[in-house]
Amino acid sequence: MKRHLILLGPQGLIYYSWLFTILLIDIILSYEGNQLISISALICLLIFILLLIWTIRSSYLVLKSGKLHLPYRRLPVLAVPLTKYRTGRYFVYYQARVNHYQTIKLAILKSKPANR
């Protein structure tokens, strides 16, 4: 079963930095235009939204095999199982050890919300 995820920490900031760059260009285009609605800013915003949706949909973890799939980076099968280090209302936070030197923090959406 696939679980879609969001990367956290410094790796996540680096991973999503190209999206932040597109958003920054969109903000600059929208403020520098002299029209009420800038067509170039709308096109850039549409590109940002489509890339954000594609990135989140193609970032997933296959629980049974332990394969972590990211659209711009291929990671090997995780040798050590995920360790849960925090549980939130909508997300479960895991820490994955890729190799001896690198750990990645993940936020995975809960499949069922907790009953109150």
N, C-alpha and C. Protein backbone atom coordinates (compact mmCIF):
# COMPACT_ATOMS: atom_id res chain seq x y z
N MET A 1 0.83 -1.16 0.00
CA MET A 1 0.00 0.00 0.00
C MET A 1 0.89 1.25 0.00
N LYS A 2 0.55 2.21 -0.86
CA LYS A 2 1.34 3.44 -0.95
C LYS A 2 0.86 4.44 0.09
N ARG A 3 1.82 5.09 0.71
CA ARG A 3 1.52 6.17 1.64
C ARG A 3 2.21 7.42 1.14
N HIS A 4 1.46 8.45 0.81
CA HIS A 4 2.04 9.70 0.35
C HIS A 4 2.65 10.43 1.53
N LEU A 5 3.74 11.13 1.26
CA LEU A 5 4.50 11.72 2.34
C LEU A 5 4.97 13.11 2.00
N ILE A 6 5.42 13.81 3.03
CA ILE A 6 6.03 15.12 2.90
C ILE A 6 7.36 15.04 3.63
N LEU A 7 8.43 15.47 2.96
CA LEU A 7 9.75 15.47 3.60
C LEU A 7 9.86 16.64 4.55
N LEU A 8 10.53 16.42 5.67
CA LEU A 8 10.73 17.46 6.67
C LEU A 8 12.22 17.72 6.86
N GLY A 9 12.53 18.77 7.57
CA GLY A 9 13.90 19.06 7.94
C GLY A 9 14.70 19.67 6.80
N PRO A 10 16.03 19.66 6.93
CA PRO A 10 16.88 20.27 5.89
C PRO A 10 16.75 19.59 4.54
N GLN A 11 16.55 18.27 4.52
CA GLN A 11 16.39 17.57 3.26
C GLN A 11 15.11 18.02 2.56
N GLY A 12 14.06 18.23 3.31
CA GLY A 12 12.81 18.69 2.73
C GLY A 12 12.92 20.11 2.20
N LEU A 13 13.64 20.96 2.90
CA LEU A 13 13.83 22.33 2.44
C LEU A 13 14.59 22.36 1.12
N ILE A 14 15.62 21.54 1.02
CA ILE A 14 16.38 21.45 -0.23
C ILE A 14 15.53 20.82 -1.33
N TYR A 15 14.75 19.81 -0.97
CA TYR A 15 13.93 19.09 -1.94
C TYR A 15 12.86 19.99 -2.54
N TYR A 16 12.23 20.83 -1.71
CA TYR A 16 11.16 21.69 -2.19
C TYR A 16 11.63 23.09 -2.57
N SER A 17 12.94 23.35 -2.57
CA SER A 17 13.44 24.71 -2.83
C SER A 17 13.11 25.17 -4.25
N TRP A 18 13.08 24.26 -5.21
CA TRP A 18 12.74 24.68 -6.57
C TRP A 18 11.29 25.14 -6.65
N LEU A 19 10.41 24.56 -5.84
CA LEU A 19 9.04 25.04 -5.79
C LEU A 19 8.96 26.43 -5.17
N PHE A 20 9.75 26.66 -4.12
CA PHE A 20 9.77 27.98 -3.50
C PHE A 20 10.31 29.03 -4.46
N THR A 21 11.24 28.64 -5.32
CA THR A 21 11.78 29.57 -6.32
C THR A 21 10.70 29.98 -7.31
N ILE A 22 9.89 29.04 -7.76
CA ILE A 22 8.80 29.36 -8.68
C ILE A 22 7.77 30.27 -8.01
N LEU A 23 7.49 30.01 -6.73
CA LEU A 23 6.56 30.86 -5.99
C LEU A 23 7.13 32.27 -5.82
N LEU A 24 8.41 32.40 -5.56
CA LEU A 24 9.04 33.71 -5.42
C LEU A 24 8.98 34.48 -6.75
N ILE A 25 9.25 33.81 -7.85
CA ILE A 25 9.14 34.46 -9.17
C ILE A 25 7.71 34.93 -9.41
N ASP A 26 6.73 34.12 -9.00
CA ASP A 26 5.33 34.51 -9.17
C ASP A 26 4.99 35.74 -8.35
N ILE A 27 5.47 35.81 -7.13
CA ILE A 27 5.21 36.99 -6.28
C ILE A 27 5.85 38.23 -6.88
N ILE A 28 7.07 38.09 -7.38
CA ILE A 28 7.74 39.23 -8.02
C ILE A 28 6.98 39.69 -9.25
N LEU A 29 6.53 38.76 -10.08
CA LEU A 29 5.77 39.13 -11.27
C LEU A 29 4.45 39.81 -10.92
N SER A 30 3.81 39.35 -9.86
CA SER A 30 2.52 39.95 -9.50
C SER A 30 2.69 41.36 -8.93
N TYR A 31 3.77 41.64 -8.20
CA TYR A 31 3.98 42.98 -7.65
C TYR A 31 4.56 43.96 -8.66
N GLU A 32 5.30 43.46 -9.62
CA GLU A 32 5.94 44.36 -10.58
C GLU A 32 5.05 44.72 -11.76
N GLY A 33 3.96 44.03 -11.93
CA GLY A 33 3.06 44.34 -13.04
C GLY A 33 2.27 45.62 -12.79
N ASN A 34 1.89 46.30 -13.85
CA ASN A 34 1.12 47.53 -13.69
C ASN A 34 -0.36 47.31 -13.97
N GLN A 35 -0.77 46.07 -14.20
CA GLN A 35 -2.18 45.76 -14.41
C GLN A 35 -2.78 45.21 -13.13
N LEU A 36 -4.11 45.20 -13.09
CA LEU A 36 -4.78 44.66 -11.91
C LEU A 36 -4.55 43.15 -11.81
N ILE A 37 -4.68 42.45 -12.93
CA ILE A 37 -4.42 41.01 -12.98
C ILE A 37 -3.34 40.77 -14.02
N SER A 38 -2.22 40.24 -13.56
CA SER A 38 -1.10 39.98 -14.45
C SER A 38 -1.22 38.56 -15.01
N ILE A 39 -1.25 38.45 -16.33
CA ILE A 39 -1.38 37.14 -16.98
C ILE A 39 -0.15 36.28 -16.72
N SER A 40 1.03 36.88 -16.76
CA SER A 40 2.25 36.09 -16.51
C SER A 40 2.30 35.58 -15.08
N ALA A 41 1.80 36.35 -14.11
CA ALA A 41 1.76 35.88 -12.73
C ALA A 41 0.76 34.75 -12.57
N LEU A 42 -0.38 34.82 -13.26
CA LEU A 42 -1.36 33.74 -13.19
C LEU A 42 -0.83 32.45 -13.80
N ILE A 43 -0.12 32.56 -14.90
CA ILE A 43 0.47 31.38 -15.54
C ILE A 43 1.53 30.76 -14.64
N CYS A 44 2.35 31.61 -14.03
CA CYS A 44 3.39 31.11 -13.13
C CYS A 44 2.77 30.46 -11.89
N LEU A 45 1.68 31.04 -11.37
CA LEU A 45 0.99 30.45 -10.23
C LEU A 45 0.37 29.11 -10.60
N LEU A 46 -0.19 28.99 -11.79
CA LEU A 46 -0.75 27.72 -12.25
C LEU A 46 0.34 26.66 -12.37
N ILE A 47 1.50 27.05 -12.89
CA ILE A 47 2.63 26.11 -12.98
C ILE A 47 3.06 25.66 -11.59
N PHE A 48 3.12 26.59 -10.64
CA PHE A 48 3.49 26.26 -9.26
C PHE A 48 2.50 25.26 -8.65
N ILE A 49 1.21 25.50 -8.82
CA ILE A 49 0.20 24.61 -8.23
C ILE A 49 0.26 23.23 -8.86
N LEU A 50 0.42 23.15 -10.17
CA LEU A 50 0.51 21.85 -10.84
C LEU A 50 1.75 21.07 -10.40
N LEU A 51 2.89 21.77 -10.30
CA LEU A 51 4.12 21.09 -9.85
C LEU A 51 4.04 20.66 -8.39
N LEU A 52 3.38 21.45 -7.55
CA LEU A 52 3.21 21.07 -6.15
C LEU A 52 2.35 19.82 -6.03
N ILE A 53 1.25 19.78 -6.77
CA ILE A 53 0.38 18.60 -6.73
C ILE A 53 1.11 17.37 -7.26
N TRP A 54 1.84 17.54 -8.36
CA TRP A 54 2.58 16.41 -8.93
C TRP A 54 3.66 15.91 -7.97
N THR A 55 4.35 16.82 -7.29
CA THR A 55 5.41 16.43 -6.36
C THR A 55 4.84 15.66 -5.17
N ILE A 56 3.74 16.14 -4.62
CA ILE A 56 3.16 15.45 -3.46
C ILE A 56 2.57 14.10 -3.88
N ARG A 57 1.95 14.02 -5.06
CA ARG A 57 1.37 12.75 -5.50
C ARG A 57 2.42 11.71 -5.86
N SER A 58 3.60 12.15 -6.30
CA SER A 58 4.63 11.18 -6.71
C SER A 58 5.67 10.94 -5.62
N SER A 59 5.48 11.48 -4.44
CA SER A 59 6.34 11.18 -3.30
C SER A 59 5.58 10.21 -2.40
N TYR A 60 6.02 8.97 -2.37
CA TYR A 60 5.31 7.99 -1.57
C TYR A 60 6.26 6.93 -1.05
N LEU A 61 5.75 6.18 -0.09
CA LEU A 61 6.47 5.08 0.54
C LEU A 61 5.64 3.83 0.40
N VAL A 62 6.24 2.75 -0.10
CA VAL A 62 5.56 1.46 -0.17
C VAL A 62 5.92 0.73 1.11
N LEU A 63 4.93 0.51 1.96
CA LEU A 63 5.19 -0.01 3.29
C LEU A 63 5.71 -1.45 3.29
N LYS A 64 5.15 -2.31 2.45
CA LYS A 64 5.55 -3.72 2.49
C LYS A 64 6.98 -3.93 2.05
N SER A 65 7.39 -3.26 0.98
CA SER A 65 8.75 -3.46 0.49
C SER A 65 9.75 -2.48 1.07
N GLY A 66 9.28 -1.38 1.66
CA GLY A 66 10.17 -0.40 2.24
C GLY A 66 10.83 0.51 1.21
N LYS A 67 10.26 0.61 0.00
CA LYS A 67 10.83 1.46 -1.04
C LYS A 67 10.29 2.88 -0.88
N LEU A 68 11.21 3.82 -0.93
CA LEU A 68 10.87 5.22 -0.83
C LEU A 68 11.01 5.83 -2.22
N HIS A 69 9.94 6.37 -2.77
CA HIS A 69 9.97 6.93 -4.12
C HIS A 69 9.80 8.44 -4.03
N LEU A 70 10.77 9.15 -4.57
CA LEU A 70 10.71 10.60 -4.68
C LEU A 70 10.90 10.94 -6.15
N PRO A 71 10.22 11.96 -6.68
CA PRO A 71 10.27 12.19 -8.12
C PRO A 71 11.63 12.63 -8.64
N TYR A 72 12.44 13.28 -7.84
CA TYR A 72 13.72 13.77 -8.34
C TYR A 72 14.91 13.12 -7.66
N ARG A 73 14.68 12.09 -6.89
CA ARG A 73 15.78 11.43 -6.20
C ARG A 73 15.39 9.98 -5.97
N ARG A 74 16.24 9.09 -6.35
CA ARG A 74 15.99 7.67 -6.13
C ARG A 74 16.75 7.23 -4.88
N LEU A 75 16.03 6.65 -3.96
CA LEU A 75 16.64 6.15 -2.74
C LEU A 75 16.53 4.63 -2.73
N PRO A 76 17.49 3.97 -2.15
CA PRO A 76 17.41 2.50 -2.09
C PRO A 76 16.35 2.04 -1.11
N VAL A 77 16.17 0.75 -1.09
CA VAL A 77 15.24 0.16 -0.14
C VAL A 77 15.78 0.42 1.26
N LEU A 78 14.89 0.79 2.16
CA LEU A 78 15.31 1.09 3.53
C LEU A 78 15.68 -0.20 4.24
N ALA A 79 16.90 -0.26 4.75
CA ALA A 79 17.36 -1.47 5.43
C ALA A 79 16.75 -1.60 6.81
N VAL A 80 16.62 -0.48 7.49
CA VAL A 80 16.06 -0.46 8.85
C VAL A 80 14.62 0.04 8.74
N PRO A 81 13.67 -0.58 9.45
CA PRO A 81 12.29 -0.11 9.37
C PRO A 81 12.15 1.32 9.91
N LEU A 82 11.07 1.95 9.53
CA LEU A 82 10.81 3.31 9.99
C LEU A 82 10.59 3.33 11.50
N THR A 83 11.03 4.40 12.13
CA THR A 83 10.77 4.58 13.56
C THR A 83 9.85 5.78 13.73
N LYS A 84 8.77 5.56 14.45
CA LYS A 84 7.81 6.64 14.70
C LYS A 84 8.33 7.46 15.87
N TYR A 85 8.44 8.78 15.67
CA TYR A 85 8.92 9.60 16.78
C TYR A 85 7.91 10.64 17.24
N ARG A 86 6.79 10.77 16.54
CA ARG A 86 5.79 11.73 16.97
C ARG A 86 4.48 11.43 16.23
N THR A 87 3.37 11.68 16.90
CA THR A 87 2.06 11.52 16.28
C THR A 87 1.29 12.81 16.46
N GLY A 88 0.79 13.32 15.35
CA GLY A 88 -0.01 14.53 15.38
C GLY A 88 -1.46 14.22 15.10
N ARG A 89 -2.23 15.26 14.86
CA ARG A 89 -3.64 15.06 14.62
C ARG A 89 -3.90 14.46 13.24
N TYR A 90 -3.21 14.95 12.23
CA TYR A 90 -3.43 14.49 10.86
C TYR A 90 -2.25 13.73 10.28
N PHE A 91 -1.07 13.88 10.87
CA PHE A 91 0.14 13.25 10.34
C PHE A 91 0.79 12.37 11.40
N VAL A 92 1.49 11.36 10.92
CA VAL A 92 2.37 10.54 11.76
C VAL A 92 3.78 10.82 11.28
N TYR A 93 4.66 11.17 12.19
CA TYR A 93 6.02 11.57 11.84
C TYR A 93 6.96 10.40 12.06
N TYR A 94 7.70 10.06 10.99
CA TYR A 94 8.63 8.95 11.02
C TYR A 94 10.04 9.43 10.74
N GLN A 95 10.99 8.62 11.15
CA GLN A 95 12.39 8.87 10.85
C GLN A 95 12.92 7.63 10.15
N ALA A 96 13.46 7.83 8.94
CA ALA A 96 13.98 6.72 8.13
C ALA A 96 15.49 6.84 8.05
N ARG A 97 16.16 5.75 8.31
CA ARG A 97 17.62 5.74 8.20
C ARG A 97 17.98 5.12 6.85
N VAL A 98 18.56 5.96 5.97
CA VAL A 98 18.91 5.51 4.63
C VAL A 98 20.25 4.78 4.65
N ASN A 99 21.24 5.37 5.27
CA ASN A 99 22.54 4.72 5.44
C ASN A 99 23.10 5.14 6.79
N HIS A 100 24.36 4.87 7.01
CA HIS A 100 24.96 5.14 8.32
C HIS A 100 24.97 6.63 8.65
N TYR A 101 25.06 7.48 7.64
CA TYR A 101 25.22 8.91 7.87
C TYR A 101 23.95 9.72 7.64
N GLN A 102 22.98 9.19 6.96
CA GLN A 102 21.84 9.98 6.56
C GLN A 102 20.54 9.44 7.12
N THR A 103 19.78 10.32 7.76
CA THR A 103 18.42 10.00 8.19
C THR A 103 17.49 11.04 7.58
N ILE A 104 16.29 10.60 7.27
CA ILE A 104 15.30 11.47 6.65
C ILE A 104 14.06 11.45 7.53
N LYS A 105 13.49 12.63 7.78
CA LYS A 105 12.26 12.73 8.54
C LYS A 105 11.09 12.88 7.57
N LEU A 106 10.04 12.11 7.81
CA LEU A 106 8.88 12.06 6.92
C LEU A 106 7.62 12.36 7.70
N ALA A 107 6.67 13.01 7.07
CA ALA A 107 5.32 13.21 7.62
C ALA A 107 4.36 12.47 6.70
N ILE A 108 3.71 11.45 7.24
CA ILE A 108 2.79 10.63 6.45
C ILE A 108 1.38 10.88 6.95
N LEU A 109 0.47 11.15 6.01
CA LEU A 109 -0.92 11.43 6.34
C LEU A 109 -1.57 10.20 6.96
N LYS A 110 -2.30 10.40 8.05
CA LYS A 110 -3.00 9.28 8.69
C LYS A 110 -4.10 8.79 7.78
N SER A 111 -4.31 7.48 7.76
CA SER A 111 -5.36 6.94 6.90
C SER A 111 -6.74 7.16 7.52
N LYS A 112 -6.85 7.04 8.83
CA LYS A 112 -8.12 7.28 9.51
C LYS A 112 -7.87 8.25 10.65
N PRO A 113 -8.67 9.31 10.76
CA PRO A 113 -8.48 10.23 11.88
C PRO A 113 -8.88 9.57 13.19
N ALA A 114 -8.26 10.01 14.27
CA ALA A 114 -8.53 9.42 15.59
C ALA A 114 -9.94 9.79 16.03
N ASN A 115 -10.64 8.83 16.61
CA ASN A 115 -11.98 9.08 17.13
C ASN A 115 -11.89 9.80 18.46
N ARG A 116 -12.83 10.68 18.68
CA ARG A 116 -12.82 11.42 19.95
C ARG A 116 -13.96 10.98 20.81
